[in-house]
Every structure is written in structure tokens, then in C-alpha cells.
PDB file of all heavy atoms in Angstrom:
ATOM      1  N   ASP A   1     110.228 119.710  -8.983  1.00  0.00           N
ATOM      2  CA  ASP A   1     110.319 118.630  -9.973  1.00  0.00           C
ATOM      3  C   ASP A   1     110.428 117.275  -9.295  1.00  0.00           C
ATOM      4  O   ASP A   1     109.924 116.280  -9.800  1.00  0.00           O
ATOM      5  CB  ASP A   1     111.544 118.835 -10.877  1.00  0.00           C
ATOM      6  CG  ASP A   1     111.364 119.988 -11.854  1.00  0.00           C
ATOM      7  OD1 ASP A   1     110.213 120.401 -12.091  1.00  0.00           O
ATOM      8  OD2 ASP A   1     112.385 120.474 -12.370  1.00  0.00           O
ATOM      9  N   GLU A   2     111.091 117.216  -8.155  1.00  0.00           N
ATOM     10  CA  GLU A   2     111.289 115.960  -7.436  1.00  0.00           C
ATOM     11  C   GLU A   2     110.204 115.703  -6.396  1.00  0.00           C
ATOM     12  O   GLU A   2     109.970 114.553  -6.013  1.00  0.00           O
ATOM     13  CB  GLU A   2     112.655 115.975  -6.737  1.00  0.00           C
ATOM     14  CG  GLU A   2     113.818 116.042  -7.704  1.00  0.00           C
ATOM     15  CD  GLU A   2     115.152 116.215  -7.014  1.00  0.00           C
ATOM     16  OE1 GLU A   2     115.183 116.364  -5.765  1.00  0.00           O
ATOM     17  OE2 GLU A   2     116.175 116.208  -7.718  1.00  0.00           O
ATOM     18  N   GLN A   3     109.550 116.752  -5.919  1.00  0.00           N
ATOM     19  CA  GLN A   3     108.544 116.642  -4.854  1.00  0.00           C
ATOM     20  C   GLN A   3     107.199 117.182  -5.341  1.00  0.00           C
ATOM     21  O   GLN A   3     106.640 118.127  -4.794  1.00  0.00           O
ATOM     22  CB  GLN A   3     109.020 117.394  -3.607  1.00  0.00           C
ATOM     23  CG  GLN A   3     110.346 116.917  -3.074  1.00  0.00           C
ATOM     24  CD  GLN A   3     110.323 115.448  -2.681  1.00  0.00           C
ATOM     25  OE1 GLN A   3     109.359 114.950  -2.105  1.00  0.00           O
ATOM     26  NE2 GLN A   3     111.399 114.748  -2.999  1.00  0.00           N
ATOM     27  N   VAL A   4     106.683 116.556  -6.375  1.00  0.00           N
ATOM     28  CA  VAL A   4     105.440 117.004  -7.008  1.00  0.00           C
ATOM     29  C   VAL A   4     104.279 116.996  -6.013  1.00  0.00           C
ATOM     30  O   VAL A   4     103.461 117.922  -5.989  1.00  0.00           O
ATOM     31  CB  VAL A   4     105.123 116.137  -8.250  1.00  0.00           C
ATOM     32  CG1 VAL A   4     103.788 116.519  -8.862  1.00  0.00           C
ATOM     33  CG2 VAL A   4     106.247 116.263  -9.276  1.00  0.00           C
ATOM     34  N   ALA A   5     104.211 115.978  -5.172  1.00  0.00           N
ATOM     35  CA  ALA A   5     103.098 115.877  -4.219  1.00  0.00           C
ATOM     36  C   ALA A   5     103.086 117.053  -3.253  1.00  0.00           C
ATOM     37  O   ALA A   5     102.015 117.593  -2.941  1.00  0.00           O
ATOM     38  CB  ALA A   5     103.173 114.558  -3.458  1.00  0.00           C
ATOM     39  N   LEU A   6     104.260 117.481  -2.774  1.00  0.00           N
ATOM     40  CA  LEU A   6     104.308 118.636  -1.863  1.00  0.00           C
ATOM     41  C   LEU A   6     103.903 119.911  -2.587  1.00  0.00           C
ATOM     42  O   LEU A   6     103.173 120.740  -2.035  1.00  0.00           O
ATOM     43  CB  LEU A   6     105.704 118.796  -1.260  1.00  0.00           C
ATOM     44  CG  LEU A   6     106.092 117.822  -0.160  1.00  0.00           C
ATOM     45  CD1 LEU A   6     107.533 118.061   0.277  1.00  0.00           C
ATOM     46  CD2 LEU A   6     105.159 117.945   1.029  1.00  0.00           C
ATOM     47  N   ALA A   7     104.364 120.070  -3.818  1.00  0.00           N
ATOM     48  CA  ALA A   7     103.987 121.254  -4.592  1.00  0.00           C
ATOM     49  C   ALA A   7     102.474 121.288  -4.805  1.00  0.00           C
ATOM     50  O   ALA A   7     101.842 122.343  -4.680  1.00  0.00           O
ATOM     51  CB  ALA A   7     104.723 121.271  -5.934  1.00  0.00           C
ATOM     52  N   GLN A   8     101.885 120.145  -5.082  1.00  0.00           N
ATOM     53  CA  GLN A   8     100.433 120.070  -5.260  1.00  0.00           C
ATOM     54  C   GLN A   8      99.704 120.321  -3.950  1.00  0.00           C
ATOM     55  O   GLN A   8      98.696 121.028  -3.919  1.00  0.00           O
ATOM     56  CB  GLN A   8     100.037 118.716  -5.843  1.00  0.00           C
ATOM     57  CG  GLN A   8     100.458 118.536  -7.271  1.00  0.00           C
ATOM     58  CD  GLN A   8     100.185 117.140  -7.797  1.00  0.00           C
ATOM     59  OE1 GLN A   8     100.019 116.188  -7.038  1.00  0.00           O
ATOM     60  NE2 GLN A   8     100.152 117.017  -9.115  1.00  0.00           N
ATOM     61  N   GLN A   9     100.212 119.763  -2.868  1.00  0.00           N
ATOM     62  CA  GLN A   9      99.580 119.931  -1.556  1.00  0.00           C
ATOM     63  C   GLN A   9      99.461 121.410  -1.192  1.00  0.00           C
ATOM     64  O   GLN A   9      98.459 121.838  -0.621  1.00  0.00           O
ATOM     65  CB  GLN A   9     100.396 119.193  -0.491  1.00  0.00           C
ATOM     66  CG  GLN A   9      99.875 119.359   0.909  1.00  0.00           C
ATOM     67  CD  GLN A   9     100.750 118.629   1.939  1.00  0.00           C
ATOM     68  OE1 GLN A   9     101.517 117.741   1.611  1.00  0.00           O
ATOM     69  NE2 GLN A   9     100.608 119.022   3.190  1.00  0.00           N
ATOM     70  N   PHE A  10     100.491 122.187  -1.533  1.00  0.00           N
ATOM     71  CA  PHE A  10     100.494 123.609  -1.201  1.00  0.00           C
ATOM     72  C   PHE A  10     100.055 124.495  -2.372  1.00  0.00           C
ATOM     73  O   PHE A  10     100.191 125.705  -2.315  1.00  0.00           O
ATOM     74  CB  PHE A  10     101.878 124.026  -0.690  1.00  0.00           C
ATOM     75  CG  PHE A  10     102.143 123.512   0.697  1.00  0.00           C
ATOM     76  CD1 PHE A  10     102.832 122.332   0.891  1.00  0.00           C
ATOM     77  CD2 PHE A  10     101.654 124.182   1.803  1.00  0.00           C
ATOM     78  CE1 PHE A  10     103.066 121.838   2.168  1.00  0.00           C
ATOM     79  CE2 PHE A  10     101.866 123.708   3.081  1.00  0.00           C
ATOM     80  CZ  PHE A  10     102.572 122.538   3.260  1.00  0.00           C
ATOM     81  N   ARG A  11      99.548 123.862  -3.424  1.00  0.00           N
ATOM     82  CA  ARG A  11      99.022 124.571  -4.593  1.00  0.00           C
ATOM     83  C   ARG A  11     100.042 125.563  -5.164  1.00  0.00           C
ATOM     84  O   ARG A  11      99.693 126.715  -5.471  1.00  0.00           O
ATOM     85  CB  ARG A  11      97.710 125.261  -4.252  1.00  0.00           C
ATOM     86  CG  ARG A  11      96.611 124.302  -3.889  1.00  0.00           C
ATOM     87  CD  ARG A  11      95.317 125.044  -3.563  1.00  0.00           C
ATOM     88  NE  ARG A  11      94.246 124.115  -3.287  1.00  0.00           N
ATOM     89  CZ  ARG A  11      93.957 123.649  -2.076  1.00  0.00           C
ATOM     90  NH1 ARG A  11      94.668 124.007  -1.044  1.00  0.00           N
ATOM     91  NH2 ARG A  11      92.955 122.821  -1.904  1.00  0.00           N
ATOM     92  N   VAL A  12     101.272 125.120  -5.285  1.00  0.00           N
ATOM     93  CA  VAL A  12     102.321 125.965  -5.843  1.00  0.00           C
ATOM     94  C   VAL A  12     102.152 125.987  -7.358  1.00  0.00           C
ATOM     95  O   VAL A  12     102.293 124.967  -8.021  1.00  0.00           O
ATOM     96  CB  VAL A  12     103.724 125.444  -5.445  1.00  0.00           C
ATOM     97  CG1 VAL A  12     104.805 126.229  -6.161  1.00  0.00           C
ATOM     98  CG2 VAL A  12     103.895 125.523  -3.940  1.00  0.00           C
ATOM     99  N   MET A  13     101.843 127.168  -7.887  1.00  0.00           N
ATOM    100  CA  MET A  13     101.638 127.340  -9.331  1.00  0.00           C
ATOM    101  C   MET A  13     102.775 128.116  -9.977  1.00  0.00           C
ATOM    102  O   MET A  13     102.972 128.048 -11.171  1.00  0.00           O
ATOM    103  CB  MET A  13     100.320 128.078  -9.595  1.00  0.00           C
ATOM    104  CG  MET A  13      99.112 127.383  -9.059  1.00  0.00           C
ATOM    105  SD  MET A  13      98.868 125.839  -9.931  1.00  0.00           S
ATOM    106  CE  MET A  13      97.230 125.431  -9.466  1.00  0.00           C
ATOM    107  N   THR A  14     103.475 128.893  -9.189  1.00  0.00           N
ATOM    108  CA  THR A  14     104.562 129.749  -9.662  1.00  0.00           C
ATOM    109  C   THR A  14     105.772 129.495  -8.780  1.00  0.00           C
ATOM    110  O   THR A  14     105.636 129.336  -7.574  1.00  0.00           O
ATOM    111  CB  THR A  14     104.154 131.235  -9.537  1.00  0.00           C
ATOM    112  OG1 THR A  14     102.948 131.444 -10.261  1.00  0.00           O
ATOM    113  CG2 THR A  14     105.229 132.151 -10.073  1.00  0.00           C
ATOM    114  N   ILE A  15     106.947 129.466  -9.414  1.00  0.00           N
ATOM    115  CA  ILE A  15     108.166 129.348  -8.616  1.00  0.00           C
ATOM    116  C   ILE A  15     109.095 130.490  -8.979  1.00  0.00           C
ATOM    117  O   ILE A  15     109.035 130.987 -10.102  1.00  0.00           O
ATOM    118  CB  ILE A  15     108.860 127.978  -8.787  1.00  0.00           C
ATOM    119  CG1 ILE A  15     109.107 127.659 -10.252  1.00  0.00           C
ATOM    120  CG2 ILE A  15     108.068 126.887  -8.115  1.00  0.00           C
ATOM    121  CD1 ILE A  15     109.906 126.411 -10.491  1.00  0.00           C
ATOM    122  N   PRO A  16     109.888 130.953  -8.046  1.00  0.00           N
ATOM    123  CA  PRO A  16     109.930 130.484  -6.669  1.00  0.00           C
ATOM    124  C   PRO A  16     108.706 130.933  -5.881  1.00  0.00           C
ATOM    125  O   PRO A  16     108.183 132.020  -6.096  1.00  0.00           O
ATOM    126  CB  PRO A  16     111.190 131.150  -6.106  1.00  0.00           C
ATOM    127  CG  PRO A  16     111.342 132.409  -6.914  1.00  0.00           C
ATOM    128  CD  PRO A  16     110.836 132.056  -8.293  1.00  0.00           C
ATOM    129  N   THR A  17     108.260 130.066  -4.998  1.00  0.00           N
ATOM    130  CA  THR A  17     107.236 130.419  -4.013  1.00  0.00           C
ATOM    131  C   THR A  17     107.862 130.231  -2.638  1.00  0.00           C
ATOM    132  O   THR A  17     108.466 129.199  -2.368  1.00  0.00           O
ATOM    133  CB  THR A  17     105.986 129.524  -4.154  1.00  0.00           C
ATOM    134  OG1 THR A  17     105.304 129.867  -5.363  1.00  0.00           O
ATOM    135  CG2 THR A  17     105.039 129.720  -2.977  1.00  0.00           C
ATOM    136  N   LEU A  18     107.730 131.248  -1.819  1.00  0.00           N
ATOM    137  CA  LEU A  18     108.234 131.196  -0.451  1.00  0.00           C
ATOM    138  C   LEU A  18     107.049 131.139   0.496  1.00  0.00           C
ATOM    139  O   LEU A  18     106.070 131.869   0.315  1.00  0.00           O
ATOM    140  CB  LEU A  18     109.082 132.430  -0.137  1.00  0.00           C
ATOM    141  CG  LEU A  18     110.285 132.660  -1.043  1.00  0.00           C
ATOM    142  CD1 LEU A  18     110.950 133.981  -0.702  1.00  0.00           C
ATOM    143  CD2 LEU A  18     111.271 131.521  -0.922  1.00  0.00           C
ATOM    144  N   MET A  19     107.144 130.264   1.491  1.00  0.00           N
ATOM    145  CA  MET A  19     106.090 130.146   2.509  1.00  0.00           C
ATOM    146  C   MET A  19     106.717 130.155   3.884  1.00  0.00           C
ATOM    147  O   MET A  19     107.797 129.602   4.074  1.00  0.00           O
ATOM    148  CB  MET A  19     105.308 128.846   2.345  1.00  0.00           C
ATOM    149  CG  MET A  19     104.466 128.793   1.130  1.00  0.00           C
ATOM    150  SD  MET A  19     103.484 127.288   1.108  1.00  0.00           S
ATOM    151  CE  MET A  19     102.847 127.400  -0.551  1.00  0.00           C
ATOM    152  N   VAL A  20     106.014 130.781   4.807  1.00  0.00           N
ATOM    153  CA  VAL A  20     106.400 130.708   6.207  1.00  0.00           C
ATOM    154  C   VAL A  20     105.318 129.888   6.906  1.00  0.00           C
ATOM    155  O   VAL A  20     104.132 130.216   6.822  1.00  0.00           O
ATOM    156  CB  VAL A  20     106.527 132.103   6.848  1.00  0.00           C
ATOM    157  CG1 VAL A  20     106.847 131.977   8.330  1.00  0.00           C
ATOM    158  CG2 VAL A  20     107.595 132.923   6.134  1.00  0.00           C
ATOM    159  N   ILE A  21     105.747 128.821   7.562  1.00  0.00           N
ATOM    160  CA  ILE A  21     104.822 127.917   8.239  1.00  0.00           C
ATOM    161  C   ILE A  21     105.137 127.948   9.731  1.00  0.00           C
ATOM    162  O   ILE A  21     106.284 127.743  10.134  1.00  0.00           O
ATOM    163  CB  ILE A  21     104.937 126.491   7.674  1.00  0.00           C
ATOM    164  CG1 ILE A  21     104.586 126.512   6.187  1.00  0.00           C
ATOM    165  CG2 ILE A  21     104.050 125.524   8.458  1.00  0.00           C
ATOM    166  CD1 ILE A  21     104.750 125.197   5.484  1.00  0.00           C
ATOM    167  N   LYS A  22     104.111 128.247  10.520  1.00  0.00           N
ATOM    168  CA  LYS A  22     104.237 128.247  11.981  1.00  0.00           C
ATOM    169  C   LYS A  22     103.180 127.320  12.537  1.00  0.00           C
ATOM    170  O   LYS A  22     102.011 127.409  12.156  1.00  0.00           O
ATOM    171  CB  LYS A  22     104.028 129.656  12.546  1.00  0.00           C
ATOM    172  CG  LYS A  22     105.105 130.644  12.181  1.00  0.00           C
ATOM    173  CD  LYS A  22     104.845 132.010  12.800  1.00  0.00           C
ATOM    174  CE  LYS A  22     105.888 133.016  12.364  1.00  0.00           C
ATOM    175  NZ  LYS A  22     105.588 134.362  12.861  1.00  0.00           N
ATOM    176  N   ASN A  23     103.584 126.457  13.441  1.00  0.00           N
ATOM    177  CA  ASN A  23     102.661 125.510  14.077  1.00  0.00           C
ATOM    178  C   ASN A  23     101.831 124.742  13.049  1.00  0.00           C
ATOM    179  O   ASN A  23     100.640 124.531  13.231  1.00  0.00           O
ATOM    180  CB  ASN A  23     101.746 126.236  15.064  1.00  0.00           C
ATOM    181  CG  ASN A  23     102.535 126.926  16.147  1.00  0.00           C
ATOM    182  OD1 ASN A  23     103.490 126.380  16.681  1.00  0.00           O
ATOM    183  ND2 ASN A  23     102.158 128.149  16.467  1.00  0.00           N
ATOM    184  N   GLY A  24     102.471 124.376  11.929  1.00  0.00           N
ATOM    185  CA  GLY A  24     101.801 123.586  10.908  1.00  0.00           C
ATOM    186  C   GLY A  24     100.882 124.356   9.982  1.00  0.00           C
ATOM    187  O   GLY A  24     100.219 123.761   9.144  1.00  0.00           O
ATOM    188  N   GLN A  25     100.822 125.676  10.126  1.00  0.00           N
ATOM    189  CA  GLN A  25      99.931 126.501   9.303  1.00  0.00           C
ATOM    190  C   GLN A  25     100.738 127.506   8.470  1.00  0.00           C
ATOM    191  O   GLN A  25     101.679 128.119   8.975  1.00  0.00           O
ATOM    192  CB  GLN A  25      98.952 127.293  10.182  1.00  0.00           C
ATOM    193  CG  GLN A  25      98.064 126.436  11.039  1.00  0.00           C
ATOM    194  CD  GLN A  25      97.093 125.614  10.226  1.00  0.00           C
ATOM    195  OE1 GLN A  25      96.502 126.092   9.280  1.00  0.00           O
ATOM    196  NE2 GLN A  25      96.945 124.344  10.594  1.00  0.00           N
ATOM    197  N   VAL A  26     100.339 127.682   7.198  1.00  0.00           N
ATOM    198  CA  VAL A  26     100.971 128.698   6.357  1.00  0.00           C
ATOM    199  C   VAL A  26     100.504 130.062   6.845  1.00  0.00           C
ATOM    200  O   VAL A  26      99.309 130.341   6.874  1.00  0.00           O
ATOM    201  CB  VAL A  26     100.601 128.509   4.865  1.00  0.00           C
ATOM    202  CG1 VAL A  26     101.191 129.631   4.018  1.00  0.00           C
ATOM    203  CG2 VAL A  26     101.069 127.148   4.364  1.00  0.00           C
ATOM    204  N   VAL A  27     101.452 130.908   7.263  1.00  0.00           N
ATOM    205  CA  VAL A  27     101.094 132.229   7.765  1.00  0.00           C
ATOM    206  C   VAL A  27     101.470 133.340   6.780  1.00  0.00           C
ATOM    207  O   VAL A  27     100.905 134.427   6.841  1.00  0.00           O
ATOM    208  CB  VAL A  27     101.717 132.512   9.152  1.00  0.00           C
ATOM    209  CG1 VAL A  27     101.116 131.579  10.197  1.00  0.00           C
ATOM    210  CG2 VAL A  27     103.220 132.394   9.137  1.00  0.00           C
ATOM    211  N   HIS A  28     102.408 133.064   5.880  1.00  0.00           N
ATOM    212  CA  HIS A  28     102.781 134.023   4.828  1.00  0.00           C
ATOM    213  C   HIS A  28     103.174 133.243   3.593  1.00  0.00           C
ATOM    214  O   HIS A  28     103.738 132.152   3.698  1.00  0.00           O
ATOM    215  CB  HIS A  28     103.962 134.903   5.251  1.00  0.00           C
ATOM    216  CG  HIS A  28     103.661 135.818   6.382  1.00  0.00           C
ATOM    217  ND1 HIS A  28     102.848 136.918   6.266  1.00  0.00           N
ATOM    218  CD2 HIS A  28     104.050 135.786   7.675  1.00  0.00           C
ATOM    219  CE1 HIS A  28     102.757 137.524   7.433  1.00  0.00           C
ATOM    220  NE2 HIS A  28     103.472 136.848   8.317  1.00  0.00           N
ATOM    221  N   GLN A  29     102.869 133.841   2.427  1.00  0.00           N
ATOM    222  CA  GLN A  29     103.226 133.217   1.168  1.00  0.00           C
ATOM    223  C   GLN A  29     103.556 134.312   0.163  1.00  0.00           C
ATOM    224  O   GLN A  29     102.906 135.355   0.142  1.00  0.00           O
ATOM    225  CB  GLN A  29     102.063 132.366   0.658  1.00  0.00           C
ATOM    226  CG  GLN A  29     102.366 131.619  -0.607  1.00  0.00           C
ATOM    227  CD  GLN A  29     101.272 130.621  -0.958  1.00  0.00           C
ATOM    228  OE1 GLN A  29     100.503 130.190  -0.100  1.00  0.00           O
ATOM    229  NE2 GLN A  29     101.201 130.253  -2.215  1.00  0.00           N
ATOM    230  N   SER A  30     104.572 134.066  -0.646  1.00  0.00           N
ATOM    231  CA  SER A  30     104.999 135.038  -1.633  1.00  0.00           C
ATOM    232  C   SER A  30     105.491 134.302  -2.867  1.00  0.00           C
ATOM    233  O   SER A  30     106.247 133.338  -2.757  1.00  0.00           O
ATOM    234  CB  SER A  30     106.131 135.895  -1.052  1.00  0.00           C
ATOM    235  OG  SER A  30     106.680 136.732  -2.035  1.00  0.00           O
ATOM    236  N   ALA A  31     105.059 134.735  -4.044  1.00  0.00           N
ATOM    237  CA  ALA A  31     105.506 134.123  -5.298  1.00  0.00           C
ATOM    238  C   ALA A  31     106.411 135.093  -6.046  1.00  0.00           C
ATOM    239  O   ALA A  31     106.203 136.296  -6.015  1.00  0.00           O
ATOM    240  CB  ALA A  31     104.306 133.747  -6.161  1.00  0.00           C
ATOM    241  N   GLY A  32     107.423 134.541  -6.699  1.00  0.00           N
ATOM    242  CA  GLY A  32     108.350 135.345  -7.481  1.00  0.00           C
ATOM    243  C   GLY A  32     109.594 135.706  -6.696  1.00  0.00           C
ATOM    244  O   GLY A  32     109.638 135.561  -5.476  1.00  0.00           O
ATOM    245  N   ALA A  33     110.602 136.133  -7.432  1.00  0.00           N
ATOM    246  CA  ALA A  33     111.876 136.508  -6.812  1.00  0.00           C
ATOM    247  C   ALA A  33     111.687 137.763  -5.965  1.00  0.00           C
ATOM    248  O   ALA A  33     110.980 138.689  -6.355  1.00  0.00           O
ATOM    249  CB  ALA A  33     112.931 136.744  -7.885  1.00  0.00           C
ATOM    250  N   ARG A  34     112.308 137.769  -4.812  1.00  0.00           N
ATOM    251  CA  ARG A  34     112.227 138.892  -3.876  1.00  0.00           C
ATOM    252  C   ARG A  34     113.623 139.190  -3.354  1.00  0.00           C
ATOM    253  O   ARG A  34     114.417 138.275  -3.141  1.00  0.00           O
ATOM    254  CB  ARG A  34     111.352 138.544  -2.668  1.00  0.00           C
ATOM    255  CG  ARG A  34     109.919 138.218  -2.990  1.00  0.00           C
ATOM    256  CD  ARG A  34     109.092 139.483  -3.111  1.00  0.00           C
ATOM    257  NE  ARG A  34     107.691 139.191  -3.305  1.00  0.00           N
ATOM    258  CZ  ARG A  34     107.096 139.197  -4.484  1.00  0.00           C
ATOM    259  NH1 ARG A  34     107.780 139.424  -5.565  1.00  0.00           N
ATOM    260  NH2 ARG A  34     105.811 138.961  -4.585  1.00  0.00           N
TER     261      ARG A  34
END
């Protein structure tokens, strides 16, 4: 809600969305509670 640009940059459509970023690249992504 506060960081709309970041959510758009990473195309976050569902929350919670978890991402693992290594060396500036998304290497894993998961949507929904886990």
C-alpha cells in the first residue's frame, strides 16, 4: 500500500508474495501464506 512502485516493478498481484533475490535477480517466488 505504501510502496506501490515496488509492487508494480515486481508484478506483485497477490499478497503475501515472497521473493528471494540473489545478485539483483529474483531466483524464487511464492504467492500465498506458507
